[in-house]
Full PDB file with SEQRES, HELIX, SHEET, SSBOND, CRYST1, ORIGX, SCALE, CONECT and MASTER records, all heavy atoms in Angstrom:
SEQRES   1 A   35  ASP LEU LEU PRO TYR PHE LYS ARG SER GLU THR ALA LEU          
SEQRES   2 A   35  ASP ARG ASP PRO ALA LEU ARG GLY THR ASN GLY PRO MET          
SEQRES   3 A   35  ILE VAL ALA PRO ALA ALA PRO PRO ASN                          
HELIX    1 AA1 LEU A    3  SER A    9  1                                   7    
SHEET    1 AA1 2 GLU A  10  THR A  11  0                                        
SHEET    2 AA1 2 MET A  26  ILE A  27  1                                        
CRYST1    1.000    1.000    1.000  90.00  90.00  90.00 P 1           1          
ORIGX1      1.000000  0.000000  0.000000        0.00000                         
ORIGX2      0.000000  1.000000  0.000000        0.00000                         
ORIGX3      0.000000  0.000000  1.000000        0.00000                         
SCALE1      1.000000  0.000000  0.000000        0.00000                         
SCALE2      0.000000  1.000000  0.000000        0.00000                         
SCALE3      0.000000  0.000000  1.000000        0.00000                         
ATOM      1  N   ASP A   1      24.552 -58.680  45.874  1.00  0.00           N  
ATOM      2  CA  ASP A   1      23.664 -57.775  45.146  1.00  0.00           C  
ATOM      3  C   ASP A   1      22.869 -56.887  46.096  1.00  0.00           C  
ATOM      4  O   ASP A   1      22.611 -55.712  45.821  1.00  0.00           O  
ATOM      5  CB  ASP A   1      22.682 -58.575  44.279  1.00  0.00           C  
ATOM      6  CG  ASP A   1      23.369 -59.333  43.159  1.00  0.00           C  
ATOM      7  OD1 ASP A   1      24.268 -58.759  42.520  1.00  0.00           O  
ATOM      8  OD2 ASP A   1      23.008 -60.504  42.927  1.00  0.00           O  
ATOM      9  N   LEU A   2      22.471 -57.452  47.231  1.00  0.00           N  
ATOM     10  CA  LEU A   2      21.660 -56.707  48.193  1.00  0.00           C  
ATOM     11  C   LEU A   2      22.484 -55.775  49.073  1.00  0.00           C  
ATOM     12  O   LEU A   2      21.931 -54.838  49.670  1.00  0.00           O  
ATOM     13  CB  LEU A   2      20.883 -57.679  49.088  1.00  0.00           C  
ATOM     14  CG  LEU A   2      19.616 -58.292  48.501  1.00  0.00           C  
ATOM     15  CD1 LEU A   2      19.102 -59.406  49.382  1.00  0.00           C  
ATOM     16  CD2 LEU A   2      18.534 -57.220  48.312  1.00  0.00           C  
ATOM     17  N   LEU A   3      23.785 -56.039  49.177  1.00  0.00           N  
ATOM     18  CA  LEU A   3      24.605 -55.287  50.129  1.00  0.00           C  
ATOM     19  C   LEU A   3      24.493 -53.771  49.962  1.00  0.00           C  
ATOM     20  O   LEU A   3      24.345 -53.056  50.971  1.00  0.00           O  
ATOM     21  CB  LEU A   3      26.060 -55.740  50.039  1.00  0.00           C  
ATOM     22  CG  LEU A   3      27.023 -55.094  51.043  1.00  0.00           C  
ATOM     23  CD1 LEU A   3      26.561 -55.327  52.480  1.00  0.00           C  
ATOM     24  CD2 LEU A   3      28.445 -55.634  50.842  1.00  0.00           C  
ATOM     25  N   PRO A   4      24.557 -53.204  48.743  1.00  0.00           N  
ATOM     26  CA  PRO A   4      24.422 -51.736  48.645  1.00  0.00           C  
ATOM     27  C   PRO A   4      23.096 -51.234  49.192  1.00  0.00           C  
ATOM     28  O   PRO A   4      23.022 -50.107  49.709  1.00  0.00           O  
ATOM     29  CB  PRO A   4      24.532 -51.480  47.142  1.00  0.00           C  
ATOM     30  CG  PRO A   4      25.206 -52.668  46.581  1.00  0.00           C  
ATOM     31  CD  PRO A   4      24.790 -53.827  47.433  1.00  0.00           C  
ATOM     32  N   TYR A   5      22.051 -52.054  49.106  1.00  0.00           N  
ATOM     33  CA  TYR A   5      20.727 -51.631  49.577  1.00  0.00           C  
ATOM     34  C   TYR A   5      20.581 -51.835  51.081  1.00  0.00           C  
ATOM     35  O   TYR A   5      19.922 -51.034  51.751  1.00  0.00           O  
ATOM     36  CB  TYR A   5      19.654 -52.388  48.787  1.00  0.00           C  
ATOM     37  CG  TYR A   5      19.797 -52.127  47.306  1.00  0.00           C  
ATOM     38  CD1 TYR A   5      20.373 -53.069  46.460  1.00  0.00           C  
ATOM     39  CD2 TYR A   5      19.418 -50.903  46.761  1.00  0.00           C  
ATOM     40  CE1 TYR A   5      20.538 -52.820  45.106  1.00  0.00           C  
ATOM     41  CE2 TYR A   5      19.574 -50.641  45.410  1.00  0.00           C  
ATOM     42  CZ  TYR A   5      20.133 -51.593  44.591  1.00  0.00           C  
ATOM     43  OH  TYR A   5      20.303 -51.340  43.252  1.00  0.00           O  
ATOM     44  N   PHE A   6      21.177 -52.893  51.609  1.00  0.00           N  
ATOM     45  CA  PHE A   6      21.273 -52.995  53.065  1.00  0.00           C  
ATOM     46  C   PHE A   6      21.955 -51.744  53.620  1.00  0.00           C  
ATOM     47  O   PHE A   6      21.468 -51.134  54.588  1.00  0.00           O  
ATOM     48  CB  PHE A   6      22.102 -54.225  53.463  1.00  0.00           C  
ATOM     49  CG  PHE A   6      21.383 -55.535  53.433  1.00  0.00           C  
ATOM     50  CD1 PHE A   6      21.882 -56.600  52.690  1.00  0.00           C  
ATOM     51  CD2 PHE A   6      20.227 -55.725  54.166  1.00  0.00           C  
ATOM     52  CE1 PHE A   6      21.237 -57.819  52.679  1.00  0.00           C  
ATOM     53  CE2 PHE A   6      19.569 -56.941  54.168  1.00  0.00           C  
ATOM     54  CZ  PHE A   6      20.077 -57.991  53.416  1.00  0.00           C  
ATOM     55  N   LYS A   7      23.063 -51.367  53.023  1.00  0.00           N  
ATOM     56  CA  LYS A   7      23.820 -50.223  53.516  1.00  0.00           C  
ATOM     57  C   LYS A   7      23.049 -48.925  53.344  1.00  0.00           C  
ATOM     58  O   LYS A   7      23.079 -48.047  54.220  1.00  0.00           O  
ATOM     59  CB  LYS A   7      25.168 -50.151  52.798  1.00  0.00           C  
ATOM     60  CG  LYS A   7      26.103 -51.314  53.111  1.00  0.00           C  
ATOM     61  CD  LYS A   7      27.368 -51.293  52.276  1.00  0.00           C  
ATOM     62  CE  LYS A   7      28.258 -50.120  52.645  1.00  0.00           C  
ATOM     63  NZ  LYS A   7      29.555 -50.184  51.914  1.00  0.00           N  
ATOM     64  N   ARG A   8      22.342 -48.792  52.223  1.00  0.00           N  
ATOM     65  CA  ARG A   8      21.623 -47.548  51.965  1.00  0.00           C  
ATOM     66  C   ARG A   8      20.522 -47.293  52.985  1.00  0.00           C  
ATOM     67  O   ARG A   8      20.180 -46.144  53.282  1.00  0.00           O  
ATOM     68  CB  ARG A   8      21.012 -47.592  50.555  1.00  0.00           C  
ATOM     69  CG  ARG A   8      20.320 -46.300  50.151  1.00  0.00           C  
ATOM     70  CD  ARG A   8      19.571 -46.437  48.847  1.00  0.00           C  
ATOM     71  NE  ARG A   8      20.463 -46.671  47.725  1.00  0.00           N  
ATOM     72  CZ  ARG A   8      20.038 -46.843  46.468  1.00  0.00           C  
ATOM     73  NH1 ARG A   8      18.736 -46.860  46.205  1.00  0.00           N  
ATOM     74  NH2 ARG A   8      20.912 -47.037  45.504  1.00  0.00           N  
ATOM     75  N   SER A   9      19.971 -48.371  53.544  1.00  0.00           N  
ATOM     76  CA  SER A   9      18.822 -48.212  54.437  1.00  0.00           C  
ATOM     77  C   SER A   9      19.196 -47.795  55.845  1.00  0.00           C  
ATOM     78  O   SER A   9      18.344 -47.364  56.606  1.00  0.00           O  
ATOM     79  CB  SER A   9      18.029 -49.526  54.505  1.00  0.00           C  
ATOM     80  OG  SER A   9      18.761 -50.522  55.202  1.00  0.00           O  
ATOM     81  N   GLU A  10      20.474 -47.904  56.238  1.00  0.00           N  
ATOM     82  CA  GLU A  10      20.806 -47.832  57.661  1.00  0.00           C  
ATOM     83  C   GLU A  10      21.930 -46.847  57.960  1.00  0.00           C  
ATOM     84  O   GLU A  10      22.764 -46.521  57.111  1.00  0.00           O  
ATOM     85  CB  GLU A  10      21.242 -49.220  58.160  1.00  0.00           C  
ATOM     86  CG  GLU A  10      22.552 -49.688  57.535  1.00  0.00           C  
ATOM     87  CD  GLU A  10      22.991 -51.071  58.016  1.00  0.00           C  
ATOM     88  OE1 GLU A  10      22.218 -51.763  58.712  1.00  0.00           O  
ATOM     89  OE2 GLU A  10      24.127 -51.461  57.696  1.00  0.00           O  
ATOM     90  N   THR A  11      21.924 -46.397  59.207  1.00  0.00           N  
ATOM     91  CA  THR A  11      23.097 -45.772  59.810  1.00  0.00           C  
ATOM     92  C   THR A  11      23.510 -46.656  60.974  1.00  0.00           C  
ATOM     93  O   THR A  11      22.804 -46.755  61.978  1.00  0.00           O  
ATOM     94  CB  THR A  11      22.792 -44.348  60.301  1.00  0.00           C  
ATOM     95  OG1 THR A  11      22.538 -43.515  59.169  1.00  0.00           O  
ATOM     96  CG2 THR A  11      23.959 -43.775  61.080  1.00  0.00           C  
ATOM     97  N   ALA A  12      24.616 -47.352  60.790  1.00  0.00           N  
ATOM     98  CA  ALA A  12      25.126 -48.288  61.806  1.00  0.00           C  
ATOM     99  C   ALA A  12      26.563 -47.896  62.097  1.00  0.00           C  
ATOM    100  O   ALA A  12      27.499 -48.420  61.498  1.00  0.00           O  
ATOM    101  CB  ALA A  12      25.036 -49.720  61.298  1.00  0.00           C  
ATOM    102  N   LEU A  13      26.734 -46.960  63.007  1.00  0.00           N  
ATOM    103  CA  LEU A  13      28.066 -46.462  63.324  1.00  0.00           C  
ATOM    104  C   LEU A  13      28.830 -47.481  64.165  1.00  0.00           C  
ATOM    105  O   LEU A  13      28.249 -48.389  64.770  1.00  0.00           O  
ATOM    106  CB  LEU A  13      27.948 -45.126  64.043  1.00  0.00           C  
ATOM    107  CG  LEU A  13      27.182 -44.029  63.267  1.00  0.00           C  
ATOM    108  CD1 LEU A  13      27.096 -42.758  64.083  1.00  0.00           C  
ATOM    109  CD2 LEU A  13      27.825 -43.772  61.905  1.00  0.00           C  
ATOM    110  N   ASP A  14      30.130 -47.338  64.205  1.00  0.00           N  
ATOM    111  CA  ASP A  14      31.006 -48.243  64.951  1.00  0.00           C  
ATOM    112  C   ASP A  14      30.916 -49.679  64.457  1.00  0.00           C  
ATOM    113  O   ASP A  14      31.135 -50.634  65.212  1.00  0.00           O  
ATOM    114  CB  ASP A  14      30.693 -48.179  66.456  1.00  0.00           C  
ATOM    115  CG  ASP A  14      30.890 -46.776  67.016  1.00  0.00           C  
ATOM    116  OD1 ASP A  14      31.845 -46.115  66.594  1.00  0.00           O  
ATOM    117  OD2 ASP A  14      30.072 -46.369  67.859  1.00  0.00           O  
ATOM    118  N   ARG A  15      30.570 -49.844  63.191  1.00  0.00           N  
ATOM    119  CA  ARG A  15      30.582 -51.140  62.532  1.00  0.00           C  
ATOM    120  C   ARG A  15      31.521 -51.051  61.327  1.00  0.00           C  
ATOM    121  O   ARG A  15      31.985 -49.962  60.969  1.00  0.00           O  
ATOM    122  CB  ARG A  15      29.180 -51.540  62.071  1.00  0.00           C  
ATOM    123  CG  ARG A  15      28.157 -51.698  63.195  1.00  0.00           C  
ATOM    124  CD  ARG A  15      28.459 -52.887  64.085  1.00  0.00           C  
ATOM    125  NE  ARG A  15      27.301 -53.283  64.880  1.00  0.00           N  
ATOM    126  CZ  ARG A  15      27.304 -54.265  65.757  1.00  0.00           C  
ATOM    127  NH1 ARG A  15      28.412 -54.949  65.978  1.00  0.00           N  
ATOM    128  NH2 ARG A  15      26.223 -54.587  66.428  1.00  0.00           N  
ATOM    129  N   ASP A  16      31.759 -52.147  60.687  1.00  0.00           N  
ATOM    130  CA  ASP A  16      32.636 -52.180  59.523  1.00  0.00           C  
ATOM    131  C   ASP A  16      31.953 -51.464  58.362  1.00  0.00           C  
ATOM    132  O   ASP A  16      30.936 -51.952  57.846  1.00  0.00           O  
ATOM    133  CB  ASP A  16      32.940 -53.636  59.150  1.00  0.00           C  
ATOM    134  CG  ASP A  16      33.868 -53.765  57.951  1.00  0.00           C  
ATOM    135  OD1 ASP A  16      34.215 -52.738  57.351  1.00  0.00           O  
ATOM    136  OD2 ASP A  16      34.226 -54.908  57.624  1.00  0.00           O  
ATOM    137  N   PRO A  17      32.452 -50.319  57.909  1.00  0.00           N  
ATOM    138  CA  PRO A  17      31.774 -49.570  56.841  1.00  0.00           C  
ATOM    139  C   PRO A  17      31.779 -50.294  55.500  1.00  0.00           C  
ATOM    140  O   PRO A  17      31.012 -49.923  54.606  1.00  0.00           O  
ATOM    141  CB  PRO A  17      32.554 -48.256  56.775  1.00  0.00           C  
ATOM    142  CG  PRO A  17      33.898 -48.574  57.353  1.00  0.00           C  
ATOM    143  CD  PRO A  17      33.668 -49.619  58.392  1.00  0.00           C  
ATOM    144  N   ALA A  18      32.612 -51.316  55.349  1.00  0.00           N  
ATOM    145  CA  ALA A  18      32.552 -52.105  54.122  1.00  0.00           C  
ATOM    146  C   ALA A  18      31.280 -52.948  54.063  1.00  0.00           C  
ATOM    147  O   ALA A  18      30.809 -53.303  52.982  1.00  0.00           O  
ATOM    148  CB  ALA A  18      33.775 -53.009  54.011  1.00  0.00           C  
ATOM    149  N   LEU A  19      30.725 -53.239  55.247  1.00  0.00           N  
ATOM    150  CA  LEU A  19      29.526 -54.050  55.330  1.00  0.00           C  
ATOM    151  C   LEU A  19      28.301 -53.271  55.752  1.00  0.00           C  
ATOM    152  O   LEU A  19      27.175 -53.669  55.424  1.00  0.00           O  
ATOM    153  CB  LEU A  19      29.729 -55.190  56.345  1.00  0.00           C  
ATOM    154  CG  LEU A  19      30.578 -56.381  55.923  1.00  0.00           C  
ATOM    155  CD1 LEU A  19      30.744 -57.333  57.093  1.00  0.00           C  
ATOM    156  CD2 LEU A  19      29.930 -57.104  54.743  1.00  0.00           C  
ATOM    157  N   ARG A  20      28.480 -52.192  56.483  1.00  0.00           N  
ATOM    158  CA  ARG A  20      27.351 -51.524  57.112  1.00  0.00           C  
ATOM    159  C   ARG A  20      27.227 -50.083  56.622  1.00  0.00           C  
ATOM    160  O   ARG A  20      28.210 -49.428  56.277  1.00  0.00           O  
ATOM    161  CB  ARG A  20      27.520 -51.543  58.644  1.00  0.00           C  
ATOM    162  CG  ARG A  20      27.724 -52.924  59.234  1.00  0.00           C  
ATOM    163  CD  ARG A  20      26.577 -53.891  58.902  1.00  0.00           C  
ATOM    164  NE  ARG A  20      25.313 -53.391  59.353  1.00  0.00           N  
ATOM    165  CZ  ARG A  20      24.812 -53.550  60.587  1.00  0.00           C  
ATOM    166  NH1 ARG A  20      25.523 -54.249  61.476  1.00  0.00           N  
ATOM    167  NH2 ARG A  20      23.652 -53.062  60.923  1.00  0.00           N  
ATOM    168  N   GLY A  21      25.983 -49.601  56.606  1.00  0.00           N  
ATOM    169  CA  GLY A  21      25.718 -48.251  56.134  1.00  0.00           C  
ATOM    170  C   GLY A  21      26.043 -47.203  57.174  1.00  0.00           C  
ATOM    171  O   GLY A  21      26.004 -47.452  58.387  1.00  0.00           O  
ATOM    172  N   THR A  22      26.334 -45.992  56.703  1.00  0.00           N  
ATOM    173  CA  THR A  22      26.698 -44.900  57.613  1.00  0.00           C  
ATOM    174  C   THR A  22      25.831 -43.661  57.421  1.00  0.00           C  
ATOM    175  O   THR A  22      26.018 -42.686  58.138  1.00  0.00           O  
ATOM    176  CB  THR A  22      28.173 -44.505  57.401  1.00  0.00           C  
ATOM    177  OG1 THR A  22      28.372 -44.115  56.034  1.00  0.00           O  
ATOM    178  CG2 THR A  22      29.100 -45.663  57.726  1.00  0.00           C  
ATOM    179  N   ASN A  23      24.880 -43.702  56.470  1.00  0.00           N  
ATOM    180  CA  ASN A  23      24.107 -42.485  56.205  1.00  0.00           C  
ATOM    181  C   ASN A  23      22.676 -42.793  55.791  1.00  0.00           C  
ATOM    182  O   ASN A  23      22.067 -42.028  55.055  1.00  0.00           O  
ATOM    183  CB  ASN A  23      24.807 -41.664  55.107  1.00  0.00           C  
ATOM    184  CG  ASN A  23      24.307 -40.232  55.049  1.00  0.00           C  
ATOM    185  OD1 ASN A  23      23.982 -39.644  56.075  1.00  0.00           O  
ATOM    186  ND2 ASN A  23      24.223 -39.686  53.844  1.00  0.00           N  
ATOM    187  N   GLY A  24      22.123 -43.889  56.279  1.00  0.00           N  
ATOM    188  CA  GLY A  24      20.761 -44.257  55.907  1.00  0.00           C  
ATOM    189  C   GLY A  24      19.733 -43.747  56.896  1.00  0.00           C  
ATOM    190  O   GLY A  24      20.070 -43.271  57.990  1.00  0.00           O  
ATOM    191  N   PRO A  25      18.457 -43.843  56.555  1.00  0.00           N  
ATOM    192  CA  PRO A  25      17.404 -43.299  57.419  1.00  0.00           C  
ATOM    193  C   PRO A  25      17.131 -44.108  58.682  1.00  0.00           C  
ATOM    194  O   PRO A  25      16.615 -43.565  59.654  1.00  0.00           O  
ATOM    195  CB  PRO A  25      16.174 -43.282  56.514  1.00  0.00           C  
ATOM    196  CG  PRO A  25      16.452 -44.285  55.466  1.00  0.00           C  
ATOM    197  CD  PRO A  25      17.936 -44.296  55.261  1.00  0.00           C  
ATOM    198  N   MET A  26      17.447 -45.414  58.690  1.00  0.00           N  
ATOM    199  CA  MET A  26      17.164 -46.231  59.860  1.00  0.00           C  
ATOM    200  C   MET A  26      18.392 -46.242  60.761  1.00  0.00           C  
ATOM    201  O   MET A  26      19.483 -46.662  60.367  1.00  0.00           O  
ATOM    202  CB  MET A  26      16.786 -47.660  59.452  1.00  0.00           C  
ATOM    203  CG  MET A  26      15.682 -47.726  58.393  1.00  0.00           C  
ATOM    204  SD  MET A  26      14.248 -46.662  58.747  1.00  0.00           S  
ATOM    205  CE  MET A  26      13.553 -47.484  60.165  1.00  0.00           C  
ATOM    206  N   ILE A  27      18.223 -45.770  61.987  1.00  0.00           N  
ATOM    207  CA  ILE A  27      19.328 -45.608  62.939  1.00  0.00           C  
ATOM    208  C   ILE A  27      19.395 -46.866  63.804  1.00  0.00           C  
ATOM    209  O   ILE A  27      18.462 -47.155  64.558  1.00  0.00           O  
ATOM    210  CB  ILE A  27      19.133 -44.363  63.823  1.00  0.00           C  
ATOM    211  CG1 ILE A  27      18.748 -43.149  62.961  1.00  0.00           C  
ATOM    212  CG2 ILE A  27      20.365 -44.093  64.656  1.00  0.00           C  
ATOM    213  CD1 ILE A  27      19.760 -42.794  61.893  1.00  0.00           C  
ATOM    214  N   VAL A  28      20.484 -47.629  63.694  1.00  0.00           N  
ATOM    215  CA  VAL A  28      20.561 -48.910  64.391  1.00  0.00           C  
ATOM    216  C   VAL A  28      21.859 -49.000  65.177  1.00  0.00           C  
ATOM    217  O   VAL A  28      22.902 -48.503  64.758  1.00  0.00           O  
ATOM    218  CB  VAL A  28      20.438 -50.086  63.399  1.00  0.00           C  
ATOM    219  CG1 VAL A  28      19.114 -50.023  62.664  1.00  0.00           C  
ATOM    220  CG2 VAL A  28      21.579 -50.119  62.409  1.00  0.00           C  
ATOM    221  N   ALA A  29      21.767 -49.642  66.331  1.00  0.00           N  
ATOM    222  CA  ALA A  29      22.928 -49.818  67.203  1.00  0.00           C  
ATOM    223  C   ALA A  29      22.592 -50.875  68.243  1.00  0.00           C  
ATOM    224  O   ALA A  29      21.417 -51.090  68.557  1.00  0.00           O  
ATOM    225  CB  ALA A  29      23.298 -48.504  67.896  1.00  0.00           C  
ATOM    226  N   PRO A  30      23.594 -51.549  68.801  1.00  0.00           N  
ATOM    227  CA  PRO A  30      23.318 -52.508  69.864  1.00  0.00           C  
ATOM    228  C   PRO A  30      22.926 -51.808  71.160  1.00  0.00           C  
ATOM    229  O   PRO A  30      23.170 -50.608  71.337  1.00  0.00           O  
ATOM    230  CB  PRO A  30      24.644 -53.260  70.014  1.00  0.00           C  
ATOM    231  CG  PRO A  30      25.675 -52.330  69.487  1.00  0.00           C  
ATOM    232  CD  PRO A  30      25.015 -51.516  68.425  1.00  0.00           C  
ATOM    233  N   ALA A  31      22.281 -52.569  72.041  1.00  0.00           N  
ATOM    234  CA  ALA A  31      21.886 -52.028  73.335  1.00  0.00           C  
ATOM    235  C   ALA A  31      23.121 -51.605  74.125  1.00  0.00           C  
ATOM    236  O   ALA A  31      24.134 -52.287  74.119  1.00  0.00           O  
ATOM    237  CB  ALA A  31      21.100 -53.075  74.125  1.00  0.00           C  
ATOM    238  N   ALA A  32      23.011 -50.472  74.791  1.00  0.00           N  
ATOM    239  CA  ALA A  32      24.135 -49.979  75.589  1.00  0.00           C  
ATOM    240  C   ALA A  32      23.595 -49.424  76.906  1.00  0.00           C  
ATOM    241  O   ALA A  32      22.962 -48.380  76.916  1.00  0.00           O  
ATOM    242  CB  ALA A  32      24.899 -48.894  74.822  1.00  0.00           C  
ATOM    243  N   PRO A  33      23.860 -50.075  78.026  1.00  0.00           N  
ATOM    244  CA  PRO A  33      24.524 -51.382  78.136  1.00  0.00           C  
ATOM    245  C   PRO A  33      23.520 -52.509  77.965  1.00  0.00           C  
ATOM    246  O   PRO A  33      22.322 -52.319  78.179  1.00  0.00           O  
ATOM    247  CB  PRO A  33      25.063 -51.354  79.565  1.00  0.00           C  
ATOM    248  CG  PRO A  33      24.039 -50.537  80.307  1.00  0.00           C  
ATOM    249  CD  PRO A  33      23.572 -49.474  79.342  1.00  0.00           C  
ATOM    250  N   PRO A  34      23.960 -53.721  77.593  1.00  0.00           N  
ATOM    251  CA  PRO A  34      23.046 -54.854  77.515  1.00  0.00           C  
ATOM    252  C   PRO A  34      22.629 -55.314  78.905  1.00  0.00           C  
ATOM    253  O   PRO A  34      23.298 -55.031  79.901  1.00  0.00           O  
ATOM    254  CB  PRO A  34      23.874 -55.926  76.792  1.00  0.00           C  
ATOM    255  CG  PRO A  34      25.292 -55.561  77.085  1.00  0.00           C  
ATOM    256  CD  PRO A  34      25.322 -54.057  77.188  1.00  0.00           C  
ATOM    257  N   ASN A  35      21.513 -56.014  78.955  1.00  0.00           N  
ATOM    258  CA  ASN A  35      21.010 -56.528  80.230  1.00  0.00           C  
ATOM    259  C   ASN A  35      21.996 -57.540  80.815  1.00  0.00           C  
ATOM    260  O   ASN A  35      22.546 -58.387  80.106  1.00  0.00           O  
ATOM    261  CB  ASN A  35      19.645 -57.181  80.005  1.00  0.00           C  
ATOM    262  CG  ASN A  35      18.910 -57.445  81.304  1.00  0.00           C  
ATOM    263  OD1 ASN A  35      19.338 -58.236  82.120  1.00  0.00           O  
ATOM    264  ND2 ASN A  35      17.780 -56.776  81.475  1.00  0.00           N  
TER     265      ASN A  35                                                      
MASTER        0    0    0    1    2    0    0    6  264    1    0    3          
END                                                                             
């Protein structure tokens, strides 16, 4: 039930678009490069 709203909130590129948002206001990504 929450999945559409998780997706709506975020832009998480290079992730599975079935699970992650691609056009939301919160821009999220892993550290590049990690420590």
